[in-house]
Amino acid sequence: LIVVAVSQAIQYYAPSAVSPPWCAFGIGFTFAFHAALTTHALRQHQPDLQPTGAFFSFGLIAFCNALVLVLILKVLFPRWISLTFFISQFAANTLLIFDKIIWLIKRMMEIGN
């Protein structure tokens, strides 16, 4: 957030200036550090993830990380990032996954009979 705030301050005070390369490096580095730390924390068998199960918890964590990344990119590059496109693609892909899961369950039930 500090890197994004500094980048936005530069854009506010010098609107025609291009963000310096260190802004992209800073955002990439901090997000990579966050991803590595999240992966490390998830490998520690946290008890708060056990009630909902690993599959749901990991999916929710991945979605939240992707959403934060998209929002950061939207702030930095408002013309290039479309939240509508992200949401529509997320919904379409989620429906596709559910469709495949339902198909798999039906197929397994047919094989069992």
C-alpha atoms as a PDB file:
ATOM      1  CA  LEU A   1       0.000   0.000   0.000  1.00  0.00           C
ATOM      2  CA  ILE A   2       2.901   2.349   0.682  1.00  0.00           C
ATOM      3  CA  VAL A   3       4.296   1.778  -2.814  1.00  0.00           C
ATOM      4  CA  VAL A   4       0.860   2.432  -4.355  1.00  0.00           C
ATOM      5  CA  ALA A   5       0.431   5.591  -2.232  1.00  0.00           C
ATOM      6  CA  VAL A   6       3.835   6.935  -3.303  1.00  0.00           C
ATOM      7  CA  SER A   7       3.053   6.141  -6.931  1.00  0.00           C
ATOM      8  CA  GLN A   8      -0.295   7.908  -6.685  1.00  0.00           C
ATOM      9  CA  ALA A   9       1.332  10.929  -5.021  1.00  0.00           C
ATOM     10  CA  ILE A  10       3.776  11.148  -7.930  1.00  0.00           C
ATOM     11  CA  GLN A  11       0.874  10.990 -10.399  1.00  0.00           C
ATOM     12  CA  TYR A  12      -1.045  13.639  -8.431  1.00  0.00           C
ATOM     13  CA  TYR A  13       1.793  16.153  -8.305  1.00  0.00           C
ATOM     14  CA  ALA A  14       3.178  15.374 -11.765  1.00  0.00           C
ATOM     15  CA  PRO A  15       0.244  14.045 -13.840  1.00  0.00           C
ATOM     16  CA  SER A  16       2.237  13.763 -17.043  1.00  0.00           C
ATOM     17  CA  ALA A  17       5.066  11.848 -15.389  1.00  0.00           C
ATOM     18  CA  VAL A  18       5.405   8.157 -16.015  1.00  0.00           C
ATOM     19  CA  SER A  19       5.637   6.018 -12.887  1.00  0.00           C
ATOM     20  CA  PRO A  20       9.274   5.209 -12.217  1.00  0.00           C
ATOM     21  CA  PRO A  21      10.379   1.596 -12.686  1.00  0.00           C
ATOM     22  CA  TRP A  22      10.872   1.204  -8.944  1.00  0.00           C
ATOM     23  CA  CYS A  23       7.098   1.455  -8.488  1.00  0.00           C
ATOM     24  CA  ALA A  24       6.521  -1.631 -10.617  1.00  0.00           C
ATOM     25  CA  PHE A  25       9.412  -3.384  -8.877  1.00  0.00           C
ATOM     26  CA  GLY A  26       8.075  -2.403  -5.459  1.00  0.00           C
ATOM     27  CA  ILE A  27       4.584  -3.661  -6.183  1.00  0.00           C
ATOM     28  CA  GLY A  28       5.872  -6.894  -7.696  1.00  0.00           C
ATOM     29  CA  PHE A  29       8.304  -7.474  -4.838  1.00  0.00           C
ATOM     30  CA  THR A  30       5.776  -6.793  -2.085  1.00  0.00           C
ATOM     31  CA  PHE A  31       3.116  -8.958  -3.747  1.00  0.00           C
ATOM     32  CA  ALA A  32       5.620 -11.798  -4.266  1.00  0.00           C
ATOM     33  CA  PHE A  33       6.671 -11.495  -0.626  1.00  0.00           C
ATOM     34  CA  HIS A  34       3.022 -11.606   0.422  1.00  0.00           C
ATOM     35  CA  ALA A  35       2.409 -14.706  -1.727  1.00  0.00           C
ATOM     36  CA  ALA A  36       5.480 -16.453  -0.295  1.00  0.00           C
ATOM     37  CA  LEU A  37       4.507 -15.579   3.271  1.00  0.00           C
ATOM     38  CA  THR A  38       0.930 -16.771   2.675  1.00  0.00           C
ATOM     39  CA  THR A  39       2.210 -20.063   1.252  1.00  0.00           C
ATOM     40  CA  HIS A  40       4.518 -20.492   4.232  1.00  0.00           C
ATOM     41  CA  ALA A  41       1.689 -19.734   6.686  1.00  0.00           C
ATOM     42  CA  LEU A  42      -0.682 -22.181   4.983  1.00  0.00           C
ATOM     43  CA  ARG A  43       1.867 -24.974   5.333  1.00  0.00           C
ATOM     44  CA  GLN A  44       1.827 -24.522   9.135  1.00  0.00           C
ATOM     45  CA  HIS A  45      -1.576 -26.303   9.465  1.00  0.00           C
ATOM     46  CA  GLN A  46      -3.464 -23.365  10.905  1.00  0.00           C
ATOM     47  CA  PRO A  47      -6.419 -24.398  13.062  1.00  0.00           C
ATOM     48  CA  ASP A  48      -8.654 -21.578  11.771  1.00  0.00           C
ATOM     49  CA  LEU A  49      -8.653 -23.166   8.293  1.00  0.00           C
ATOM     50  CA  GLN A  50      -9.749 -26.605   9.474  1.00  0.00           C
ATOM     51  CA  PRO A  51     -13.487 -25.950  10.130  1.00  0.00           C
ATOM     52  CA  THR A  52     -14.153 -25.051   6.487  1.00  0.00           C
ATOM     53  CA  GLY A  53     -11.638 -27.444   4.963  1.00  0.00           C
ATOM     54  CA  ALA A  54      -8.527 -26.858   2.920  1.00  0.00           C
ATOM     55  CA  PHE A  55     -10.231 -26.735  -0.492  1.00  0.00           C
ATOM     56  CA  PHE A  56     -12.634 -23.912   0.387  1.00  0.00           C
ATOM     57  CA  SER A  57     -10.066 -22.019   2.466  1.00  0.00           C
ATOM     58  CA  PHE A  58      -7.369 -22.112  -0.225  1.00  0.00           C
ATOM     59  CA  GLY A  59      -9.883 -21.109  -2.891  1.00  0.00           C
ATOM     60  CA  LEU A  60     -11.096 -18.165  -0.826  1.00  0.00           C
ATOM     61  CA  ILE A  61      -7.541 -17.049  -0.056  1.00  0.00           C
ATOM     62  CA  ALA A  62      -6.577 -17.267  -3.746  1.00  0.00           C
ATOM     63  CA  PHE A  63      -9.670 -15.283  -4.759  1.00  0.00           C
ATOM     64  CA  CYS A  64      -9.020 -12.567  -2.169  1.00  0.00           C
ATOM     65  CA  ASN A  65      -5.378 -12.255  -3.253  1.00  0.00           C
ATOM     66  CA  ALA A  66      -6.426 -12.001  -6.907  1.00  0.00           C
ATOM     67  CA  LEU A  67      -9.045  -9.382  -6.032  1.00  0.00           C
ATOM     68  CA  VAL A  68      -6.525  -7.283  -4.101  1.00  0.00           C
ATOM     69  CA  LEU A  69      -4.056  -7.514  -6.989  1.00  0.00           C
ATOM     70  CA  VAL A  70      -6.721  -6.432  -9.497  1.00  0.00           C
ATOM     71  CA  LEU A  71      -7.761  -3.513  -7.279  1.00  0.00           C
ATOM     72  CA  ILE A  72      -4.142  -2.374  -6.915  1.00  0.00           C
ATOM     73  CA  LEU A  73      -3.674  -2.595 -10.680  1.00  0.00           C
ATOM     74  CA  LYS A  74      -6.953  -0.686 -11.187  1.00  0.00           C
ATOM     75  CA  VAL A  75      -5.651   2.141  -8.994  1.00  0.00           C
ATOM     76  CA  LEU A  76      -2.334   2.240 -10.851  1.00  0.00           C
ATOM     77  CA  PHE A  77      -3.649   1.723 -14.377  1.00  0.00           C
ATOM     78  CA  PRO A  78      -7.295   2.866 -14.420  1.00  0.00           C
ATOM     79  CA  ARG A  79      -7.580   2.856 -18.224  1.00  0.00           C
ATOM     80  CA  TRP A  80      -6.105  -0.614 -18.721  1.00  0.00           C
ATOM     81  CA  ILE A  81      -7.884  -2.630 -16.003  1.00  0.00           C
ATOM     82  CA  SER A  82     -11.608  -3.341 -16.221  1.00  0.00           C
ATOM     83  CA  LEU A  83     -13.300  -4.482 -13.040  1.00  0.00           C
ATOM     84  CA  THR A  84     -16.395  -5.406 -15.056  1.00  0.00           C
ATOM     85  CA  PHE A  85     -14.304  -7.730 -17.218  1.00  0.00           C
ATOM     86  CA  PHE A  86     -12.662  -9.290 -14.143  1.00  0.00           C
ATOM     87  CA  ILE A  87     -16.012  -9.921 -12.449  1.00  0.00           C
ATOM     88  CA  SER A  88     -17.639 -11.299 -15.604  1.00  0.00           C
ATOM     89  CA  GLN A  89     -14.710 -13.638 -16.272  1.00  0.00           C
ATOM     90  CA  PHE A  90     -14.659 -14.750 -12.647  1.00  0.00           C
ATOM     91  CA  ALA A  91     -18.388 -15.521 -12.756  1.00  0.00           C
ATOM     92  CA  ALA A  92     -18.109 -17.360 -16.088  1.00  0.00           C
ATOM     93  CA  ASN A  93     -15.160 -19.458 -14.919  1.00  0.00           C
ATOM     94  CA  THR A  94     -16.842 -20.237 -11.589  1.00  0.00           C
ATOM     95  CA  LEU A  95     -19.962 -21.431 -13.409  1.00  0.00           C
ATOM     96  CA  LEU A  96     -17.785 -23.528 -15.701  1.00  0.00           C
ATOM     97  CA  ILE A  97     -16.088 -25.159 -12.709  1.00  0.00           C
ATOM     98  CA  PHE A  98     -19.458 -25.896 -11.066  1.00  0.00           C
ATOM     99  CA  ASP A  99     -20.726 -27.325 -14.351  1.00  0.00           C
ATOM    100  CA  LYS A 100     -17.714 -29.647 -14.563  1.00  0.00           C
ATOM    101  CA  ILE A 101     -18.146 -30.735 -10.933  1.00  0.00           C
ATOM    102  CA  ILE A 102     -21.842 -31.511 -11.514  1.00  0.00           C
ATOM    103  CA  TRP A 103     -20.960 -33.425 -14.687  1.00  0.00           C
ATOM    104  CA  LEU A 104     -18.337 -35.406 -12.784  1.00  0.00           C
ATOM    105  CA  ILE A 105     -20.776 -36.268  -9.976  1.00  0.00           C
ATOM    106  CA  LYS A 106     -23.407 -37.406 -12.498  1.00  0.00           C
ATOM    107  CA  ARG A 107     -20.803 -39.486 -14.335  1.00  0.00           C
ATOM    108  CA  MET A 108     -19.672 -41.127 -11.104  1.00  0.00           C
ATOM    109  CA  MET A 109     -23.285 -41.920 -10.193  1.00  0.00           C
ATOM    110  CA  GLU A 110     -23.834 -43.508 -13.629  1.00  0.00           C
ATOM    111  CA  ILE A 111     -20.741 -45.660 -13.228  1.00  0.00           C
ATOM    112  CA  GLY A 112     -21.862 -46.706  -9.738  1.00  0.00           C
ATOM    113  CA  ASN A 113     -25.250 -47.946 -11.020  1.00  0.00           C
END
